[in-house]
Amino acid sequence: MKKALLILVITGALIFIALNYHFILMDKNFKLLKKVELTFNNTFVDARGAKKFKPLLNPSLAKAGIRNAL
């Protein structure tokens, strides 16, 4: 019973984190950006190489402040 409760708490925490943050993979590092709305959209964003400027065109990332993160 304790094991099931622990798994449930960890799963809930991971879902809460995925709803609240954008995880942005950059060329040399990894950025974490707070979301404006609670959604699963754009939770993981690839901004490496030629795709670096593509996230700037995304409205939800622009509201969250991706321009300052880049």
Protein backbone atom coordinates (compact mmCIF):
# COMPACT_ATOMS: atom_id res chain seq x y z
CA MET A 1 0.00 0.00 0.00
CA LYS A 2 2.84 2.39 0.86
CA LYS A 3 4.54 1.61 -2.45
CA ALA A 4 1.40 2.40 -4.46
CA LEU A 5 0.92 5.67 -2.57
CA LEU A 6 4.54 6.65 -3.21
CA ILE A 7 4.17 5.92 -6.94
CA LEU A 8 0.96 7.97 -7.02
CA VAL A 9 2.61 10.95 -5.30
CA ILE A 10 5.66 10.86 -7.62
CA THR A 11 3.45 10.60 -10.71
CA GLY A 12 1.33 13.52 -9.53
CA ALA A 13 4.43 15.64 -8.92
CA LEU A 14 5.78 14.88 -12.42
CA ILE A 15 2.45 15.82 -13.99
CA PHE A 16 2.35 19.03 -11.97
CA ILE A 17 5.87 19.95 -13.14
CA ALA A 18 4.98 19.15 -16.78
CA LEU A 19 1.93 21.41 -16.56
CA ASN A 20 3.87 24.34 -15.06
CA TYR A 21 7.19 24.47 -16.93
CA HIS A 22 8.64 24.53 -20.45
CA PHE A 23 11.81 22.44 -20.77
CA ILE A 24 13.91 24.00 -23.52
CA LEU A 25 16.88 22.09 -24.95
CA MET A 26 19.52 24.56 -26.16
CA ASP A 27 22.83 23.93 -27.95
CA LYS A 28 25.01 23.75 -24.84
CA ASN A 29 22.57 23.85 -21.94
CA PHE A 30 19.03 23.25 -20.74
CA LYS A 31 16.59 26.05 -19.83
CA LEU A 32 13.51 25.91 -17.63
CA LEU A 33 10.76 28.45 -18.28
CA LYS A 34 7.56 28.93 -16.26
CA LYS A 35 4.37 28.47 -18.32
CA VAL A 36 1.62 31.06 -18.44
CA GLU A 37 -1.20 28.50 -18.84
CA LEU A 38 -1.54 25.01 -17.39
CA THR A 39 -1.30 22.81 -20.49
CA PHE A 40 0.83 19.97 -21.80
CA ASN A 41 1.49 21.92 -25.02
CA ASN A 42 5.16 22.75 -25.63
CA THR A 43 6.38 21.06 -22.48
CA PHE A 44 9.55 19.89 -24.25
CA VAL A 45 10.96 22.28 -26.86
CA ASP A 46 14.01 21.64 -29.06
CA ALA A 47 15.86 24.90 -29.80
CA ARG A 48 19.14 23.49 -31.12
CA GLY A 49 20.89 24.46 -34.32
CA ALA A 50 18.69 25.67 -37.16
CA LYS A 51 15.54 25.28 -35.02
CA LYS A 52 16.77 27.94 -32.58
CA PHE A 53 14.46 30.71 -33.85
CA LYS A 54 11.36 28.57 -34.37
CA PRO A 55 10.23 28.81 -30.70
CA LEU A 56 10.19 32.62 -30.98
CA LEU A 57 7.20 32.33 -33.33
CA ASN A 58 5.16 30.23 -30.89
CA PRO A 59 2.59 32.44 -29.06
CA SER A 60 2.55 30.46 -25.81
CA LEU A 61 6.34 30.49 -25.57
CA ALA A 62 6.44 34.19 -26.41
CA LYS A 63 4.02 34.94 -23.53
CA ALA A 64 6.21 32.92 -21.17
CA GLY A 65 9.28 34.96 -22.13
CA ILE A 66 11.31 32.74 -24.44
CA ARG A 67 13.03 35.81 -25.89
CA ASN A 68 14.76 36.47 -22.55
CA ALA A 69 15.75 32.81 -22.21
CA LEU A 70 17.47 32.73 -25.59
